[in-house]
PDB file of N, CA and C in Angstrom:
ATOM      1  N   UNK A   1      90.051  58.057 148.081  1.00  0.00           N
ATOM      2  CA  UNK A   1      91.017  58.713 147.556  1.00  0.00           C
ATOM      3  C   UNK A   1      90.963  60.505 147.680  1.00  0.00           C
ATOM      4  N   UNK A   2      92.300  60.955 148.511  1.00  0.00           N
ATOM      5  CA  UNK A   2      92.227  62.306 148.538  1.00  0.00           C
ATOM      6  C   UNK A   2      92.952  63.023 147.454  1.00  0.00           C
ATOM      7  N   UNK A   3      92.174  63.561 146.671  1.00  0.00           N
ATOM      8  CA  UNK A   3      92.578  64.618 145.444  1.00  0.00           C
ATOM      9  C   UNK A   3      92.032  65.870 145.604  1.00  0.00           C
ATOM     10  N   UNK A   4      92.772  67.138 145.723  1.00  0.00           N
ATOM     11  CA  UNK A   4      92.684  68.491 146.069  1.00  0.00           C
ATOM     12  C   UNK A   4      92.678  69.234 144.606  1.00  0.00           C
ATOM     13  N   UNK A   5      91.494  69.834 144.405  1.00  0.00           N
ATOM     14  CA  UNK A   5      91.464  70.569 143.013  1.00  0.00           C
ATOM     15  C   UNK A   5      91.838  71.686 143.460  1.00  0.00           C
ATOM     16  N   UNK A   6      92.892  72.787 142.751  1.00  0.00           N
ATOM     17  CA  UNK A   6      92.892  73.937 142.728  1.00  0.00           C
ATOM     18  C   UNK A   6      92.311  74.727 141.558  1.00  0.00           C
ATOM     19  N   UNK A   7      91.099  75.215 141.648  1.00  0.00           N
ATOM     20  CA  UNK A   7      90.427  75.949 140.609  1.00  0.00           C
ATOM     21  C   UNK A   7      91.244  77.230 140.304  1.00  0.00           C
ATOM     22  N   UNK A   8      91.826  77.954 141.057  1.00  0.00           N
ATOM     23  CA  UNK A   8      92.509  79.053 140.945  1.00  0.00           C
ATOM     24  C   UNK A   8      94.010  78.623 140.116  1.00  0.00           C
ATOM     25  N   UNK A   9      94.466  77.522 140.136  1.00  0.00           N
ATOM     26  CA  UNK A   9      95.854  77.064 139.755  1.00  0.00           C
ATOM     27  C   UNK A   9      95.667  77.335 138.038  1.00  0.00           C
ATOM     28  N   UNK A  10      96.742  77.551 137.514  1.00  0.00           N
ATOM     29  CA  UNK A  10      96.780  77.794 135.808  1.00  0.00           C
ATOM     30  C   UNK A  10      97.474  76.173 135.466  1.00  0.00           C
ATOM     31  N   UNK A  11      97.387  75.346 136.185  1.00  0.00           N
ATOM     32  CA  UNK A  11      97.479  73.838 135.561  1.00  0.00           C
ATOM     33  C   UNK A  11      96.072  73.394 135.590  1.00  0.00           C
ATOM     34  N   UNK A  12      95.908  72.810 134.176  1.00  0.00           N
ATOM     35  CA  UNK A  12      94.642  71.904 134.173  1.00  0.00           C
ATOM     36  C   UNK A  12      93.996  71.249 135.037  1.00  0.00           C
ATOM     37  N   UNK A  13      92.935  71.117 135.354  1.00  0.00           N
ATOM     38  CA  UNK A  13      92.144  70.259 136.147  1.00  0.00           C
ATOM     39  C   UNK A  13      92.572  68.641 136.034  1.00  0.00           C
ATOM     40  N   UNK A  14      92.609  68.245 134.777  1.00  0.00           N
ATOM     41  CA  UNK A  14      93.132  67.074 134.667  1.00  0.00           C
ATOM     42  C   UNK A  14      94.437  66.684 134.791  1.00  0.00           C
ATOM     43  N   UNK A  15      95.262  67.624 134.669  1.00  0.00           N
ATOM     44  CA  UNK A  15      96.846  67.552 134.809  1.00  0.00           C
ATOM     45  C   UNK A  15      97.055  67.408 136.653  1.00  0.00           C
ATOM     46  N   UNK A  16      96.133  68.312 137.404  1.00  0.00           N
ATOM     47  CA  UNK A  16      96.215  68.036 138.785  1.00  0.00           C
ATOM     48  C   UNK A  16      95.848  66.866 139.080  1.00  0.00           C
ATOM     49  N   UNK A  17      94.843  66.043 138.817  1.00  0.00           N
ATOM     50  CA  UNK A  17      94.431  64.696 138.939  1.00  0.00           C
ATOM     51  C   UNK A  17      95.451  63.900 138.760  1.00  0.00           C
ATOM     52  N   UNK A  18      96.071  63.852 137.396  1.00  0.00           N
ATOM     53  CA  UNK A  18      96.942  62.981 137.001  1.00  0.00           C
ATOM     54  C   UNK A  18      98.217  63.086 137.868  1.00  0.00           C
ATOM     55  N   UNK A  19      98.562  64.182 138.168  1.00  0.00           N
ATOM     56  CA  UNK A  19     100.068  64.477 139.244  1.00  0.00           C
ATOM     57  C   UNK A  19      99.445  63.698 140.368  1.00  0.00           C
ATOM     58  N   UNK A  20      98.669  64.082 141.295  1.00  0.00           N
ATOM     59  CA  UNK A  20      98.138  63.642 142.393  1.00  0.00           C
ATOM     60  C   UNK A  20      98.101  62.101 142.561  1.00  0.00           C
ATOM     61  N   UNK A  21      97.878  61.530 141.445  1.00  0.00           N
ATOM     62  CA  UNK A  21      97.606  60.156 141.396  1.00  0.00           C
ATOM     63  C   UNK A  21      98.821  59.353 141.131  1.00  0.00           C
ATOM     64  N   UNK A  22      99.464  60.092 140.408  1.00  0.00           N
ATOM     65  CA  UNK A  22     101.086  59.457 140.265  1.00  0.00           C
ATOM     66  C   UNK A  22     101.728  59.697 141.307  1.00  0.00           C
ATOM     67  N   UNK A  23     101.689  60.619 142.191  1.00  0.00           N
ATOM     68  CA  UNK A  23     102.312  60.897 143.408  1.00  0.00           C
ATOM     69  C   UNK A  23     102.118  59.895 144.217  1.00  0.00           C
ATOM     70  N   UNK A  24     100.655  59.514 144.296  1.00  0.00           N
ATOM     71  CA  UNK A  24     100.306  58.420 145.220  1.00  0.00           C
ATOM     72  C   UNK A  24     100.802  57.051 144.814  1.00  0.00           C
ATOM     73  N   UNK A  25     100.883  56.679 143.646  1.00  0.00           N
ATOM     74  CA  UNK A  25     101.481  55.690 143.168  1.00  0.00           C
ATOM     75  C   UNK A  25     103.025  55.422 143.502  1.00  0.00           C
ATOM     76  N   UNK A  26     103.874  56.482 143.080  1.00  0.00           N
ATOM     77  CA  UNK A  26     105.182  56.539 143.474  1.00  0.00           C
ATOM     78  C   UNK A  26     105.496  56.449 144.847  1.00  0.00           C
ATOM     79  N   UNK A  27     104.533  57.130 145.851  1.00  0.00           N
ATOM     80  CA  UNK A  27     104.953  56.927 147.061  1.00  0.00           C
ATOM     81  C   UNK A  27     104.341  55.523 147.697  1.00  0.00           C
ATOM     82  N   UNK A  28     103.889  54.749 146.818  1.00  0.00           N
ATOM     83  CA  UNK A  28     103.298  53.701 147.144  1.00  0.00           C
ATOM     84  C   UNK A  28     102.029  53.563 148.194  1.00  0.00           C
ATOM     85  N   UNK A  29     101.626  54.586 148.128  1.00  0.00           N
ATOM     86  CA  UNK A  29      99.902  54.762 148.973  1.00  0.00           C
ATOM     87  C   UNK A  29      99.025  54.074 147.964  1.00  0.00           C
ATOM     88  N   UNK A  30      99.263  54.007 146.602  1.00  0.00           N
ATOM     89  CA  UNK A  30      98.405  52.929 145.557  1.00  0.00           C
ATOM     90  C   UNK A  30      99.572  52.210 145.152  1.00  0.00           C
ATOM     91  N   UNK A  31      98.893  50.966 145.137  1.00  0.00           N
ATOM     92  CA  UNK A  31      99.903  49.895 144.666  1.00  0.00           C
ATOM     93  C   UNK A  31      99.346  49.200 143.567  1.00  0.00           C
ATOM     94  N   UNK A  32     100.155  48.326 142.862  1.00  0.00           N
ATOM     95  CA  UNK A  32      99.773  47.640 141.817  1.00  0.00           C
ATOM     96  C   UNK A  32      98.599  47.052 142.056  1.00  0.00           C
ATOM     97  N   UNK A  33      97.368  46.942 141.050  1.00  0.00           N
ATOM     98  CA  UNK A  33      96.411  46.238 141.147  1.00  0.00           C
ATOM     99  C   UNK A  33      95.233  46.845 141.894  1.00  0.00           C
ATOM    100  N   UNK A  34      95.580  47.872 142.743  1.00  0.00           N
ATOM    101  CA  UNK A  34      94.423  48.749 143.163  1.00  0.00           C
ATOM    102  C   UNK A  34      93.708  49.418 142.264  1.00  0.00           C
ATOM    103  N   UNK A  35      92.238  49.422 142.409  1.00  0.00           N
ATOM    104  CA  UNK A  35      91.417  49.853 141.521  1.00  0.00           C
ATOM    105  C   UNK A  35      91.346  51.334 141.936  1.00  0.00           C
ATOM    106  N   UNK A  36      91.159  52.352 140.822  1.00  0.00           N
ATOM    107  CA  UNK A  36      91.151  53.614 141.037  1.00  0.00           C
ATOM    108  C   UNK A  36      89.567  53.766 141.183  1.00  0.00           C
ATOM    109  N   UNK A  37      89.080  55.077 141.692  1.00  0.00           N
ATOM    110  CA  UNK A  37      87.455  55.346 141.683  1.00  0.00           C
ATOM    111  C   UNK A  37      86.870  55.257 140.209  1.00  0.00           C
ATOM    112  N   UNK A  38      85.755  54.944 139.594  1.00  0.00           N
ATOM    113  CA  UNK A  38      85.075  55.020 138.592  1.00  0.00           C
ATOM    114  C   UNK A  38      84.995  56.443 138.046  1.00  0.00           C
ATOM    115  N   UNK A  39      85.174  56.742 137.171  1.00  0.00           N
ATOM    116  CA  UNK A  39      85.252  57.815 136.226  1.00  0.00           C
ATOM    117  C   UNK A  39      84.088  58.740 136.940  1.00  0.00           C
ATOM    118  N   UNK A  40      82.955  58.200 137.073  1.00  0.00           N
ATOM    119  CA  UNK A  40      81.597  58.700 137.445  1.00  0.00           C
ATOM    120  C   UNK A  40      81.618  59.021 139.019  1.00  0.00           C
ATOM    121  N   UNK A  41      82.179  58.175 139.757  1.00  0.00           N
ATOM    122  CA  UNK A  41      82.220  58.734 141.071  1.00  0.00           C
ATOM    123  C   UNK A  41      83.238  59.466 141.521  1.00  0.00           C
ATOM    124  N   UNK A  42      84.308  59.585 140.701  1.00  0.00           N
ATOM    125  CA  UNK A  42      85.848  60.645 141.251  1.00  0.00           C
ATOM    126  C   UNK A  42      85.037  61.817 140.392  1.00  0.00           C
ATOM    127  N   UNK A  43      84.312  62.110 139.594  1.00  0.00           N
ATOM    128  CA  UNK A  43      83.855  63.441 138.948  1.00  0.00           C
ATOM    129  C   UNK A  43      82.838  63.831 139.849  1.00  0.00           C
ATOM    130  N   UNK A  44      82.082  62.887 140.563  1.00  0.00           N
ATOM    131  CA  UNK A  44      81.261  63.544 141.521  1.00  0.00           C
ATOM    132  C   UNK A  44      81.830  63.790 142.684  1.00  0.00           C
ATOM    133  N   UNK A  45      82.648  63.355 143.310  1.00  0.00           N
ATOM    134  CA  UNK A  45      83.323  63.426 144.571  1.00  0.00           C
ATOM    135  C   UNK A  45      84.337  64.909 144.067  1.00  0.00           C
ATOM    136  N   UNK A  46      84.923  65.051 143.163  1.00  0.00           N
ATOM    137  CA  UNK A  46      85.531  66.034 142.730  1.00  0.00           C
ATOM    138  C   UNK A  46      84.953  67.327 142.424  1.00  0.00           C
ATOM    139  N   UNK A  47      83.454  67.071 141.862  1.00  0.00           N
ATOM    140  CA  UNK A  47      82.718  68.141 141.435  1.00  0.00           C
ATOM    141  C   UNK A  47      83.147  68.548 140.034  1.00  0.00           C
ATOM    142  N   UNK A  48      83.814  67.800 139.373  1.00  0.00           N
ATOM    143  CA  UNK A  48      84.205  68.074 137.671  1.00  0.00           C
ATOM    144  C   UNK A  48      83.380  67.113 136.870  1.00  0.00           C
ATOM    145  N   UNK A  49      83.704  67.574 135.600  1.00  0.00           N
ATOM    146  CA  UNK A  49      83.419  66.755 134.387  1.00  0.00           C
ATOM    147  C   UNK A  49      83.965  65.391 134.501  1.00  0.00           C
ATOM    148  N   UNK A  50      83.069  64.405 134.029  1.00  0.00           N
ATOM    149  CA  UNK A  50      83.468  63.123 134.013  1.00  0.00           C
ATOM    150  C   UNK A  50      84.520  62.977 132.860  1.00  0.00           C
ATOM    151  N   UNK A  51      84.128  64.095 131.869  1.00  0.00           N
ATOM    152  CA  UNK A  51      85.052  64.107 130.635  1.00  0.00           C
ATOM    153  C   UNK A  51      86.624  64.252 131.096  1.00  0.00           C
ATOM    154  N   UNK A  52      87.025  65.305 132.286  1.00  0.00           N
ATOM    155  CA  UNK A  52      87.681  65.715 132.745  1.00  0.00           C
ATOM    156  C   UNK A  52      88.701  64.341 133.232  1.00  0.00           C
ATOM    157  N   UNK A  53      87.971  63.584 134.341  1.00  0.00           N
ATOM    158  CA  UNK A  53      88.297  62.740 134.827  1.00  0.00           C
ATOM    159  C   UNK A  53      88.701  61.367 133.748  1.00  0.00           C
ATOM    160  N   UNK A  54      88.166  61.237 132.976  1.00  0.00           N
ATOM    161  CA  UNK A  54      88.722  60.482 131.803  1.00  0.00           C
ATOM    162  C   UNK A  54      89.975  60.706 130.953  1.00  0.00           C
ATOM    163  N   UNK A  55      89.896  62.065 130.921  1.00  0.00           N
ATOM    164  CA  UNK A  55      91.028  62.269 130.198  1.00  0.00           C
ATOM    165  C   UNK A  55      92.346  62.243 131.176  1.00  0.00           C
ATOM    166  N   UNK A  56      92.154  62.655 132.711  1.00  0.00           N
ATOM    167  CA  UNK A  56      93.179  62.046 133.405  1.00  0.00           C
ATOM    168  C   UNK A  56      93.596  60.527 133.402  1.00  0.00           C
ATOM    169  N   UNK A  57      92.479  59.715 133.657  1.00  0.00           N
ATOM    170  CA  UNK A  57      92.810  58.208 133.518  1.00  0.00           C
ATOM    171  C   UNK A  57      93.417  58.003 132.071  1.00  0.00           C
ATOM    172  N   UNK A  58      92.870  58.374 130.636  1.00  0.00           N
ATOM    173  CA  UNK A  58      93.847  58.088 129.595  1.00  0.00           C
ATOM    174  C   UNK A  58      95.372  58.550 129.645  1.00  0.00           C
ATOM    175  N   UNK A  59      95.661  59.808 130.260  1.00  0.00           N
ATOM    176  CA  UNK A  59      96.851  60.237 130.368  1.00  0.00           C
ATOM    177  C   UNK A  59      97.790  58.963 131.252  1.00  0.00           C
ATOM    178  N   UNK A  60      97.060  58.441 132.535  1.00  0.00           N
ATOM    179  CA  UNK A  60      97.689  57.945 133.407  1.00  0.00           C
ATOM    180  C   UNK A  60      98.099  56.461 132.580  1.00  0.00           C
ATOM    181  N   UNK A  61      97.325  56.123 131.748  1.00  0.00           N
ATOM    182  CA  UNK A  61      97.294  54.961 131.399  1.00  0.00           C
ATOM    183  C   UNK A  61      98.487  55.048 130.013  1.00  0.00           C
ATOM    184  N   UNK A  62      98.360  56.224 129.180  1.00  0.00           N
ATOM    185  CA  UNK A  62      99.289  56.475 128.324  1.00  0.00           C
ATOM    186  C   UNK A  62     100.745  56.449 128.982  1.00  0.00           C
ATOM    187  N   UNK A  63     100.880  56.817 130.036  1.00  0.00           N
ATOM    188  CA  UNK A  63     102.305  56.960 130.510  1.00  0.00           C
ATOM    189  C   UNK A  63     102.601  55.928 131.594  1.00  0.00           C
ATOM    190  N   UNK A  64     101.670  54.790 131.303  1.00  0.00           N
ATOM    191  CA  UNK A  64     102.083  53.529 132.077  1.00  0.00           C
ATOM    192  C   UNK A  64     101.782  53.439 133.399  1.00  0.00           C
ATOM    193  N   UNK A  65     100.722  54.287 134.045  1.00  0.00           N
ATOM    194  CA  UNK A  65     100.687  54.205 135.637  1.00  0.00           C
ATOM    195  C   UNK A  65      99.370  53.789 135.841  1.00  0.00           C
ATOM    196  N   UNK A  66      98.588  53.257 134.860  1.00  0.00           N
ATOM    197  CA  UNK A  66      97.309  52.941 134.844  1.00  0.00           C
ATOM    198  C   UNK A  66      96.664  51.659 133.775  1.00  0.00           C
ATOM    199  N   UNK A  67      95.808  50.852 134.030  1.00  0.00           N
ATOM    200  CA  UNK A  67      95.413  49.973 132.885  1.00  0.00           C
ATOM    201  C   UNK A  67      93.903  49.975 133.053  1.00  0.00           C
ATOM    202  N   UNK A  68      93.319  50.182 131.991  1.00  0.00           N
ATOM    203  CA  UNK A  68      91.835  50.186 132.075  1.00  0.00           C
ATOM    204  C   UNK A  68      91.296  48.894 131.487  1.00  0.00           C
ATOM    205  N   UNK A  69      90.353  48.163 132.216  1.00  0.00           N
ATOM    206  CA  UNK A  69      89.797  46.577 131.791  1.00  0.00           C
ATOM    207  C   UNK A  69      88.480  47.182 131.421  1.00  0.00           C
ATOM    208  N   UNK A  70      88.156  47.252 129.996  1.00  0.00           N
ATOM    209  CA  UNK A  70      86.798  47.796 129.654  1.00  0.00           C
ATOM    210  C   UNK A  70      85.532  46.739 130.504  1.00  0.00           C
ATOM    211  N   UNK A  71      84.746  47.425 131.033  1.00  0.00           N
ATOM    212  CA  UNK A  71      83.413  47.071 131.963  1.00  0.00           C
ATOM    213  C   UNK A  71      84.153  46.903 133.304  1.00  0.00           C
ATOM    214  N   UNK A  72      85.294  46.613 133.638  1.00  0.00           N
ATOM    215  CA  UNK A  72      85.936  46.301 135.148  1.00  0.00           C
ATOM    216  C   UNK A  72      86.332  47.741 136.061  1.00  0.00           C
ATOM    217  N   UNK A  73      86.932  48.660 134.957  1.00  0.00           N
ATOM    218  CA  UNK A  73      87.539  49.840 135.668  1.00  0.00           C
ATOM    219  C   UNK A  73      88.895  50.102 135.375  1.00  0.00           C
ATOM    220  N   UNK A  74      89.656  51.051 136.238  1.00  0.00           N
ATOM    221  CA  UNK A  74      91.080  51.406 136.093  1.00  0.00           C
ATOM    222  C   UNK A  74      91.720  50.949 137.086  1.00  0.00           C
ATOM    223  N   UNK A  75      92.921  50.445 136.990  1.00  0.00           N
ATOM    224  CA  UNK A  75      93.948  49.711 137.907  1.00  0.00           C
ATOM    225  C   UNK A  75      95.137  50.378 137.891  1.00  0.00           C
ATOM    226  N   UNK A  76      95.939  50.609 139.124  1.00  0.00           N
ATOM    227  CA  UNK A  76      97.255  50.825 139.168  1.00  0.00           C
ATOM    228  C   UNK A  76      97.865  49.843 138.377  1.00  0.00           C
ATOM    229  N   UNK A  77      98.776  50.149 137.345  1.00  0.00           N
ATOM    230  CA  UNK A  77      99.709  49.217 136.488  1.00  0.00           C
ATOM    231  C   UNK A  77     100.753  48.936 137.433  1.00  0.00           C
ATOM    232  N   UNK A  78     101.395  47.620 137.038  1.00  0.00           N
ATOM    233  CA  UNK A  78     102.645  47.082 137.840  1.00  0.00           C
ATOM    234  C   UNK A  78     103.810  48.124 137.013  1.00  0.00           C
ATOM    235  N   UNK A  79     104.578  48.722 138.132  1.00  0.00           N
ATOM    236  CA  UNK A  79     105.307  50.044 137.804  1.00  0.00           C
ATOM    237  C   UNK A  79     106.720  49.045 137.277  1.00  0.00           C
ATOM    238  N   UNK A  80     107.142  49.905 136.101  1.00  0.00           N
ATOM    239  CA  UNK A  80     108.605  49.562 135.594  1.00  0.00           C
ATOM    240  C   UNK A  80     109.286  50.442 136.186  1.00  0.00           C
ATOM    241  N   UNK A  81     110.385  49.701 137.112  1.00  0.00           N
ATOM    242  CA  UNK A  81     111.553  50.616 137.909  1.00  0.00           C
ATOM    243  C   UNK A  81     111.852  51.802 137.246  1.00  0.00           C
ATOM    244  N   UNK A  82     112.305  51.515 135.856  1.00  0.00           N
ATOM    245  CA  UNK A  82     113.026  52.721 135.058  1.00  0.00           C
ATOM    246  C   UNK A  82     112.048  53.739 134.756  1.00  0.00           C
ATOM    247  N   UNK A  83     110.695  53.420 134.700  1.00  0.00           N
ATOM    248  CA  UNK A  83     109.797  54.355 134.575  1.00  0.00           C
ATOM    249  C   UNK A  83     109.492  55.380 135.932  1.00  0.00           C
ATOM    250  N   UNK A  84     109.567  54.518 136.965  1.00  0.00           N
ATOM    251  CA  UNK A  84     109.725  55.298 138.326  1.00  0.00           C
ATOM    252  C   UNK A  84     110.703  56.203 138.373  1.00  0.00           C
ATOM    253  N   UNK A  85     111.960  55.822 138.033  1.00  0.00           N
ATOM    254  CA  UNK A  85     113.454  56.583 138.311  1.00  0.00           C
ATOM    255  C   UNK A  85     113.475  57.827 137.451  1.00  0.00           C
ATOM    256  N   UNK A  86     112.580  57.527 136.113  1.00  0.00           N
ATOM    257  CA  UNK A  86     112.757  58.384 135.206  1.00  0.00           C
ATOM    258  C   UNK A  86     111.619  59.651 136.062  1.00  0.00           C
ATOM    259  N   UNK A  87     110.584  59.254 136.516  1.00  0.00           N
ATOM    260  CA  UNK A  87     109.503  60.082 137.116  1.00  0.00           C
ATOM    261  C   UNK A  87     110.167  60.987 138.374  1.00  0.00           C
ATOM    262  N   UNK A  88     111.267  60.455 139.044  1.00  0.00           N
ATOM    263  CA  UNK A  88     111.962  60.814 140.258  1.00  0.00           C
ATOM    264  C   UNK A  88     112.860  61.555 139.654  1.00  0.00           C
ATOM    265  N   UNK A  89     113.339  61.467 138.323  1.00  0.00           N
ATOM    266  CA  UNK A  89     114.727  62.187 137.948  1.00  0.00           C
ATOM    267  C   UNK A  89     113.909  63.732 137.569  1.00  0.00           C
ATOM    268  N   UNK A  90     112.627  63.430 136.850  1.00  0.00           N
ATOM    269  CA  UNK A  90     112.161  64.541 136.068  1.00  0.00           C
ATOM    270  C   UNK A  90     111.867  65.451 137.292  1.00  0.00           C
ATOM    271  N   UNK A  91     111.456  65.016 138.702  1.00  0.00           N
ATOM    272  CA  UNK A  91     110.984  65.976 139.960  1.00  0.00           C
ATOM    273  C   UNK A  91     112.288  66.910 140.544  1.00  0.00           C
ATOM    274  N   UNK A  92     113.203  66.126 140.468  1.00  0.00           N
ATOM    275  CA  UNK A  92     114.536  66.573 140.866  1.00  0.00           C
ATOM    276  C   UNK A  92     115.019  67.524 140.088  1.00  0.00           C
ATOM    277  N   UNK A  93     114.992  67.372 138.575  1.00  0.00           N
ATOM    278  CA  UNK A  93     115.350  68.285 137.472  1.00  0.00           C
ATOM    279  C   UNK A  93     114.468  69.449 137.771  1.00  0.00           C
ATOM    280  N   UNK A  94     112.993  69.323 138.088  1.00  0.00           N
ATOM    281  CA  UNK A  94     112.588  70.785 137.971  1.00  0.00           C
ATOM    282  C   UNK A  94     112.620  71.521 139.479  1.00  0.00           C
ATOM    283  N   UNK A  95     113.193  70.702 140.749  1.00  0.00           N
ATOM    284  CA  UNK A  95     113.766  71.288 141.895  1.00  0.00           C
ATOM    285  C   UNK A  95     114.914  72.091 141.477  1.00  0.00           C
ATOM    286  N   UNK A  96     115.794  71.268 140.844  1.00  0.00           N
ATOM    287  CA  UNK A  96     117.157  71.959 140.430  1.00  0.00           C
ATOM    288  C   UNK A  96     117.161  73.160 139.661  1.00  0.00           C
ATOM    289  N   UNK A  97     116.107  73.069 138.507  1.00  0.00           N
ATOM    290  CA  UNK A  97     116.184  74.090 137.860  1.00  0.00           C
ATOM    291  C   UNK A  97     115.622  75.552 138.610  1.00  0.00           C
ATOM    292  N   UNK A  98     114.728  75.300 139.531  1.00  0.00           N
ATOM    293  CA  UNK A  98     113.955  76.419 140.347  1.00  0.00           C
ATOM    294  C   UNK A  98     115.153  76.742 141.278  1.00  0.00           C
ATOM    295  N   UNK A  99     116.078  75.962 141.848  1.00  0.00           N
ATOM    296  CA  UNK A  99     117.203  76.685 142.411  1.00  0.00           C
ATOM    297  C   UNK A  99     118.170  77.447 141.960  1.00  0.00           C
ATOM    298  N   UNK A 100     118.400  76.849 140.500  1.00  0.00           N
ATOM    299  CA  UNK A 100     119.295  77.542 139.747  1.00  0.00           C
ATOM    300  C   UNK A 100     118.772  78.879 139.306  1.00  0.00           C
ATOM    301  N   UNK A 101     117.303  79.019 139.108  1.00  0.00           N
ATOM    302  CA  UNK A 101     116.740  80.398 138.881  1.00  0.00           C
ATOM    303  C   UNK A 101     116.660  81.170 139.899  1.00  0.00           C
ATOM    304  N   UNK A 102     116.571  80.580 141.127  1.00  0.00           N
ATOM    305  CA  UNK A 102     116.629  81.487 142.389  1.00  0.00           C
ATOM    306  C   UNK A 102     117.907  82.230 142.564  1.00  0.00           C
ATOM    307  N   UNK A 103     118.868  81.280 142.389  1.00  0.00           N
ATOM    308  CA  UNK A 103     120.311  81.949 142.495  1.00  0.00           C
ATOM    309  C   UNK A 103     120.499  82.811 141.499  1.00  0.00           C
ATOM    310  N   UNK A 104     120.376  82.454 140.672  1.00  0.00           N
ATOM    311  CA  UNK A 104     120.797  83.328 139.375  1.00  0.00           C
ATOM    312  C   UNK A 104     119.664  85.222 139.556  1.00  0.00           C
ATOM    313  N   UNK A 105     118.575  84.869 140.049  1.00  0.00           N
ATOM    314  CA  UNK A 105     118.069  85.982 140.388  1.00  0.00           C
ATOM    315  C   UNK A 105     118.687  86.840 141.343  1.00  0.00           C
ATOM    316  N   UNK A 106     119.284  85.942 142.275  1.00  0.00           N
ATOM    317  CA  UNK A 106     119.977  86.697 143.391  1.00  0.00           C
ATOM    318  C   UNK A 106     121.367  87.383 142.931  1.00  0.00           C
ATOM    319  N   UNK A 107     121.719  86.923 141.912  1.00  0.00           N
ATOM    320  CA  UNK A 107     122.836  87.529 141.525  1.00  0.00           C
ATOM    321  C   UNK A 107     124.375  86.643 141.750  1.00  0.00           C
ATOM    322  N   UNK A 108     123.960  85.206 141.976  1.00  0.00           N
ATOM    323  CA  UNK A 108     124.923  84.230 142.092  1.00  0.00           C
ATOM    324  C   UNK A 108     125.663  83.933 140.677  1.00  0.00           C
ATOM    325  N   UNK A 109     126.663  83.521 140.497  1.00  0.00           N
ATOM    326  CA  UNK A 109     127.142  83.033 139.101  1.00  0.00           C
ATOM    327  C   UNK A 109     127.214  81.564 139.022  1.00  0.00           C
ATOM    328  N   UNK A 110     127.082  81.378 137.974  1.00  0.00           N
ATOM    329  CA  UNK A 110     127.147  79.623 137.493  1.00  0.00           C
ATOM    330  C   UNK A 110     127.948  78.979 138.569  1.00  0.00           C
ATOM    331  N   UNK A 111     129.207  79.518 138.515  1.00  0.00           N
ATOM    332  CA  UNK A 111     130.313  78.739 139.274  1.00  0.00           C
ATOM    333  C   UNK A 111     130.207  78.916 140.850  1.00  0.00           C
ATOM    334  N   UNK A 112     129.408  79.992 141.213  1.00  0.00           N
ATOM    335  CA  UNK A 112     129.277  80.027 142.876  1.00  0.00           C
ATOM    336  C   UNK A 112     127.941  78.582 143.052  1.00  0.00           C
ATOM    337  N   UNK A 113     127.062  78.494 141.973  1.00  0.00           N
ATOM    338  CA  UNK A 113     125.953  77.685 142.404  1.00  0.00           C
ATOM    339  C   UNK A 113     126.477  76.383 142.182  1.00  0.00           C
ATOM    340  N   UNK A 114     127.439  75.800 141.094  1.00  0.00           N
ATOM    341  CA  UNK A 114     128.316  74.684 141.093  1.00  0.00           C
ATOM    342  C   UNK A 114     129.009  74.287 142.439  1.00  0.00           C
ATOM    343  N   UNK A 115     129.648  75.162 142.695  1.00  0.00           N
ATOM    344  CA  UNK A 115     130.571  75.042 144.322  1.00  0.00           C
ATOM    345  C   UNK A 115     129.737  74.907 145.450  1.00  0.00           C
ATOM    346  N   UNK A 116     128.434  75.635 145.228  1.00  0.00           N
ATOM    347  CA  UNK A 116     127.207  75.057 146.323  1.00  0.00           C
ATOM    348  C   UNK A 116     126.831  73.754 146.293  1.00  0.00           C
ATOM    349  N   UNK A 117     126.643  73.391 145.036  1.00  0.00           N
ATOM    350  CA  UNK A 117     126.088  72.068 144.547  1.00  0.00           C
ATOM    351  C   UNK A 117     127.049  71.018 145.377  1.00  0.00           C
ATOM    352  N   UNK A 118     128.296  71.274 144.826  1.00  0.00           N
ATOM    353  CA  UNK A 118     129.214  70.385 145.363  1.00  0.00           C
ATOM    354  C   UNK A 118     129.501  70.223 146.921  1.00  0.00           C
ATOM    355  N   UNK A 119     129.545  71.281 147.604  1.00  0.00           N
ATOM    356  CA  UNK A 119     129.520  71.338 148.814  1.00  0.00           C
ATOM    357  C   UNK A 119     128.484  70.673 149.495  1.00  0.00           C
ATOM    358  N   UNK A 120     127.222  71.011 149.098  1.00  0.00           N
ATOM    359  CA  UNK A 120     125.798  70.204 149.677  1.00  0.00           C
ATOM    360  C   UNK A 120     126.059  68.432 149.625  1.00  0.00           C
ATOM    361  N   UNK A 121     126.667  68.355 148.454  1.00  0.00           N
ATOM    362  CA  UNK A 121     126.919  66.762 147.831  1.00  0.00           C
ATOM    363  C   UNK A 121     127.743  66.224 148.923  1.00  0.00           C
ATOM    364  N   UNK A 122     128.784  66.773 149.542  1.00  0.00           N
ATOM    365  CA  UNK A 122     129.602  66.367 150.464  1.00  0.00           C
ATOM    366  C   UNK A 122     129.123  65.886 151.901  1.00  0.00           C
ATOM    367  N   UNK A 123     127.794  66.627 151.931  1.00  0.00           N
ATOM    368  CA  UNK A 123     127.639  66.789 153.402  1.00  0.00           C
ATOM    369  C   UNK A 123     126.512  65.332 153.564  1.00  0.00           C
TER     370      UNK A 123
END
């Protein structure tokens, strides 16, 4: 599993792990039933605390992306299509928000941004 930790990022390490694993699941690089590396092996590989990996796995489980079987490991959960769509919507919303902020910082009015959005939708 290829996870890259950016130690200079303002994003906590466990969130970086969560986001990258979620991205692998949503892109179907990881599929339902695939086993995730053990907490110890991933912490050793990434050179981070096992508690950090455990927190990431707990978050993945809480969000419905993973399931832990005591004594067996953590597996990719069967994804609810509504959950997948919601994750995609959150990503798109963040991208659109970034575009709006950029447009406003360049002096564009909301009406100009809306017109541009409609124009792009037609293409």
